[in-house]
Amino acid sequence: MQKASKATTEAIVKLTNLQRRILQRLGLAVVVGWNGLPTEVQKTLFRTASTQGLLQDRHDLPEDIARFLHQHKDDETST
């Protein structure tokens, strides 16, 4: 899996408010539906989230993501 390019990282910084809200909603949808996703999809999403973007150099990011998913595994939301 490739890490984010410098151009991709810079694009993340320049997101508009609307784009940030869209990403937040997509992220929420993933978290809410996480348990229903096939294991291979979960693994792919987890690897991608752990290695892409501005925080790719944080060594504890995968653990932070895993902890967040575990803490919110039974969350439900209304849309």
Foldseek 3Di string as FASTA:
>chain_A
DDEDDPVRQVVVVVDDPVRVVVVVVVVVVCLQCVVVDPPVVNVVVLVRQQQYYDCNPDPCSSVVVVVVSVVSVPDDDDD
